[in-house]
C-alpha cells in the first residue's frame, strides 16, 4: 500500500513523497527482528547506527568530529523534547541494504517518533568488487524510501585497522560530511 504525505527527514521536508506502508509484506521488510533501542545521555553531532554487525559505524565515528557509534541500537532521548540525529550505516550487499531498508521503516514508527531524526543511509562496500544486480535493485528501492543515500568508496587497509585517510579524503567522504554539516578528523 502506498501512502502520500509530507515527510520531514532531518530538516529536509519532502511533500508528497511516496512511501511504502510499514505493514507491507515485501521480503525486504520481513523476517528480521527490529533493531534494539537504548536510552543515551551522551550527546553527538551525529549517531552512526550500523544496521548489522560490521556495517562500519565505528569507522565513521572515528572519522567525523563529534560523532558516535550507536552500537547497533536506536539511541533514545533521555531528556524530554530532545531528539538524536541518526544516520544509518550498512554494507553495500543485498543483505546490508535490506537491513537498512527495514531500519528506515522502523524510524517511521510512533515508538521512535521524537527520539530520532533520520538523516539518511550510508552504504559502504565490502571490497573492491562491483555490487551484484540484486544489490543494485535493492539500492534503487531503498532510494524510493529515503531521499539521502551516500555510497562511499572502498578504502584499502581499513579492514586491517588503518582508520584514517592518507592525504586528502575521497570526495564521497567529504560530500557526506558536508551534507551532514560534520568535520572530518585530520590524519594526525
Protein backbone atom coordinates (compact mmCIF):
# COMPACT_ATOMS: atom_id res chain seq x y z
CA UNK A 1 0.00 0.00 0.00
CA UNK A 2 1.37 3.42 -0.96
CA UNK A 3 0.67 6.48 1.18
CA UNK A 4 1.06 10.12 0.21
CA UNK A 5 2.10 12.51 2.97
CA UNK A 6 4.59 15.14 3.96
CA UNK A 7 7.74 13.65 5.48
CA UNK A 8 10.43 15.54 7.37
CA UNK A 9 13.83 13.86 7.02
CA UNK A 10 16.30 15.70 9.27
CA UNK A 11 15.24 19.17 8.23
CA UNK A 12 14.52 18.29 4.60
CA UNK A 13 10.79 18.46 4.09
CA UNK A 14 9.64 16.45 1.12
CA UNK A 15 5.96 16.92 0.29
CA UNK A 16 4.09 14.05 -1.28
CA UNK A 17 6.99 11.62 -1.04
CA UNK A 18 5.61 8.19 -1.85
CA UNK A 19 6.38 5.66 0.80
CA UNK A 20 5.60 2.04 1.36
CA UNK A 21 3.35 1.16 4.26
CA UNK A 22 5.48 -0.36 7.09
CA UNK A 23 2.93 -3.19 7.19
CA UNK A 24 3.95 -4.25 3.70
CA UNK A 25 4.67 -7.93 3.19
CA UNK A 26 7.62 -7.14 0.92
CA UNK A 27 10.53 -9.52 1.52
CA UNK A 28 12.86 -6.61 2.28
CA UNK A 29 10.85 -5.75 5.36
CA UNK A 30 10.09 -9.16 6.81
CA UNK A 31 11.87 -11.87 8.71
CA UNK A 32 14.28 -9.85 10.85
CA UNK A 33 13.90 -8.57 14.39
CA UNK A 34 13.81 -4.80 14.82
CA UNK A 35 16.96 -3.06 15.99
CA UNK A 36 17.23 -2.71 19.77
CA UNK A 37 16.68 0.63 21.49
CA UNK A 38 18.77 2.17 24.25
CA UNK A 39 18.46 5.32 26.37
CA UNK A 40 21.54 7.51 25.96
CA UNK A 41 22.64 10.57 27.87
CA UNK A 42 25.65 11.23 25.66
CA UNK A 43 25.38 13.91 23.02
CA UNK A 44 26.68 13.67 19.49
CA UNK A 45 26.53 15.81 16.39
CA UNK A 46 25.52 12.58 14.64
CA UNK A 47 24.91 8.98 15.72
CA UNK A 48 26.03 6.37 13.19
CA UNK A 49 23.68 3.41 13.53
CA UNK A 50 25.08 0.23 12.00
CA UNK A 51 22.08 -1.84 10.97
CA UNK A 52 24.08 -5.10 11.10
CA UNK A 53 27.39 -6.30 12.51
CA UNK A 54 30.41 -4.98 10.62
CA UNK A 55 28.47 -2.16 8.95
CA UNK A 56 31.15 0.48 9.57
CA UNK A 57 29.57 2.70 12.24
CA UNK A 58 32.71 2.67 14.44
CA UNK A 59 34.90 3.60 11.49
CA UNK A 60 32.68 6.57 10.61
CA UNK A 61 32.59 7.71 14.24
CA UNK A 62 36.38 7.75 14.21
CA UNK A 63 36.49 9.83 11.04
CA UNK A 64 33.96 12.59 11.76
CA UNK A 65 34.42 15.03 14.64
CA UNK A 66 31.75 14.95 17.37
CA UNK A 67 30.04 11.79 16.15
CA UNK A 68 29.43 8.47 17.93
CA UNK A 69 28.71 4.88 17.04
CA UNK A 70 25.25 3.85 18.25
CA UNK A 71 26.37 0.24 18.85
CA UNK A 72 23.66 -1.19 16.61
CA UNK A 73 20.80 0.26 18.72
CA UNK A 74 18.48 3.21 18.29
CA UNK A 75 19.64 6.00 20.65
CA UNK A 76 16.59 7.09 22.63
CA UNK A 77 16.42 10.51 24.23
CA UNK A 78 16.80 10.75 27.97
CA UNK A 79 15.60 14.36 28.10
CA UNK A 80 12.09 15.37 27.13
CA UNK A 81 11.96 17.30 23.88
CA UNK A 82 15.42 16.27 22.68
CA UNK A 83 15.96 14.04 19.69
CA UNK A 84 19.10 12.42 18.32
CA UNK A 85 20.40 12.92 14.80
CA UNK A 86 20.95 9.47 13.28
CA UNK A 87 22.42 8.24 10.01
CA UNK A 88 22.14 4.55 9.20
CA UNK A 89 25.19 2.59 8.07
CA UNK A 90 25.16 -0.67 6.08
CA UNK A 91 27.34 -2.72 3.80
CA UNK A 92 26.67 -2.45 0.09
CA UNK A 93 25.34 -6.01 -0.17
CA UNK A 94 21.84 -7.34 -0.70
CA UNK A 95 21.53 -8.25 2.99
CA UNK A 96 23.06 -4.96 4.17
CA UNK A 97 20.74 -2.86 2.02
CA UNK A 98 17.72 -4.92 3.13
CA UNK A 99 18.67 -4.29 6.78
CA UNK A 100 18.97 -0.56 6.06
CA UNK A 101 15.55 -0.60 4.37
CA UNK A 102 13.98 -2.24 7.42
CA UNK A 103 15.65 0.33 9.69
CA UNK A 104 14.27 3.20 7.58
CA UNK A 105 10.79 1.78 8.12
CA UNK A 106 11.45 1.37 11.85
CA UNK A 107 12.48 5.03 12.07
CA UNK A 108 8.98 5.99 10.95
CA UNK A 109 7.32 4.18 13.85
CA UNK A 110 5.49 6.10 16.54
CA UNK A 111 7.72 4.37 19.07
CA UNK A 112 10.77 6.21 17.70
CA UNK A 113 9.00 9.49 16.88
CA UNK A 114 10.55 12.30 18.89
CA UNK A 115 13.61 10.21 19.72
CA UNK A 116 15.45 10.24 16.40
CA UNK A 117 15.79 12.39 13.31
CA UNK A 118 16.91 10.17 10.46
CA UNK A 119 19.24 11.91 8.02
CA UNK A 120 19.87 9.11 5.54
CA UNK A 121 21.76 5.90 4.85
CA UNK A 122 25.48 5.39 4.24
CA UNK A 123 26.37 2.32 2.16
CA UNK A 124 29.94 1.00 2.36
CA UNK A 125 31.27 -1.69 0.02
CA UNK A 126 32.78 -4.88 1.46
CA UNK A 127 35.64 -4.82 -1.02
CA UNK A 128 36.72 -3.73 -4.45
CA UNK A 129 34.30 -5.99 -6.32
CA UNK A 130 31.32 -4.39 -8.01
CA UNK A 131 27.89 -4.79 -6.49
CA UNK A 132 25.58 -7.52 -7.64
CA UNK A 133 22.47 -6.93 -9.73
CA UNK A 134 20.39 -7.78 -6.64
CA UNK A 135 22.23 -5.17 -4.57
CA UNK A 136 21.72 -2.53 -7.28
CA UNK A 137 17.99 -3.31 -7.36
CA UNK A 138 17.69 -3.11 -3.56
CA UNK A 139 19.64 0.17 -3.56
CA UNK A 140 17.21 1.67 -6.10
CA UNK A 141 14.26 0.54 -3.96
CA UNK A 142 15.90 1.99 -0.83
CA UNK A 143 16.29 5.35 -2.58
CA UNK A 144 12.50 5.46 -3.07
CA UNK A 145 12.08 5.23 0.72
CA UNK A 146 14.62 7.82 1.84
CA UNK A 147 16.00 10.74 -0.14
CA UNK A 148 19.57 10.69 1.14
CA UNK A 149 21.74 7.67 0.37
CA UNK A 150 25.51 8.01 0.22
CA UNK A 151 27.69 5.31 -1.34
CA UNK A 152 31.25 5.55 -0.05
CA UNK A 153 34.26 4.05 -1.81
CA UNK A 154 36.18 1.03 -0.54
CA UNK A 155 39.23 2.10 1.45
CA UNK A 156 42.24 -0.21 1.17
CA UNK A 157 43.76 -1.02 4.56
CA UNK A 158 40.75 -0.14 6.69
CA UNK A 159 39.91 -3.80 7.30
CA UNK A 160 43.34 -4.21 8.93
CA UNK A 161 42.90 -1.32 11.35
CA UNK A 162 44.02 1.79 9.44
CA UNK A 163 41.25 4.28 10.17
CA UNK A 164 42.37 7.49 8.51
CA UNK A 165 42.97 8.90 5.05
CA UNK A 166 46.43 9.02 3.54
CA UNK A 167 46.30 12.57 2.25
CA UNK A 168 43.07 14.23 1.22
CA UNK A 169 39.83 12.37 1.94
CA UNK A 170 37.99 10.98 -1.11
CA UNK A 171 35.28 13.24 -2.50
CA UNK A 172 32.45 10.94 -1.33
CA UNK A 173 33.58 11.22 2.31
CA UNK A 174 33.97 15.00 2.05
CA UNK A 175 30.49 15.24 0.49
CA UNK A 176 28.93 13.09 3.24
CA UNK A 177 30.39 15.34 5.93
CA UNK A 178 29.41 18.49 4.05
CA UNK A 179 25.83 17.25 3.60
CA UNK A 180 25.59 16.43 7.33
CA UNK A 181 27.44 19.58 8.49
CA UNK A 182 30.25 17.50 10.02
CA UNK A 183 34.02 17.91 10.01
CA UNK A 184 36.42 15.14 9.08
CA UNK A 185 39.21 14.44 11.55
CA UNK A 186 42.73 15.09 10.37
CA UNK A 187 45.02 12.09 9.84
CA UNK A 188 47.38 13.25 12.61
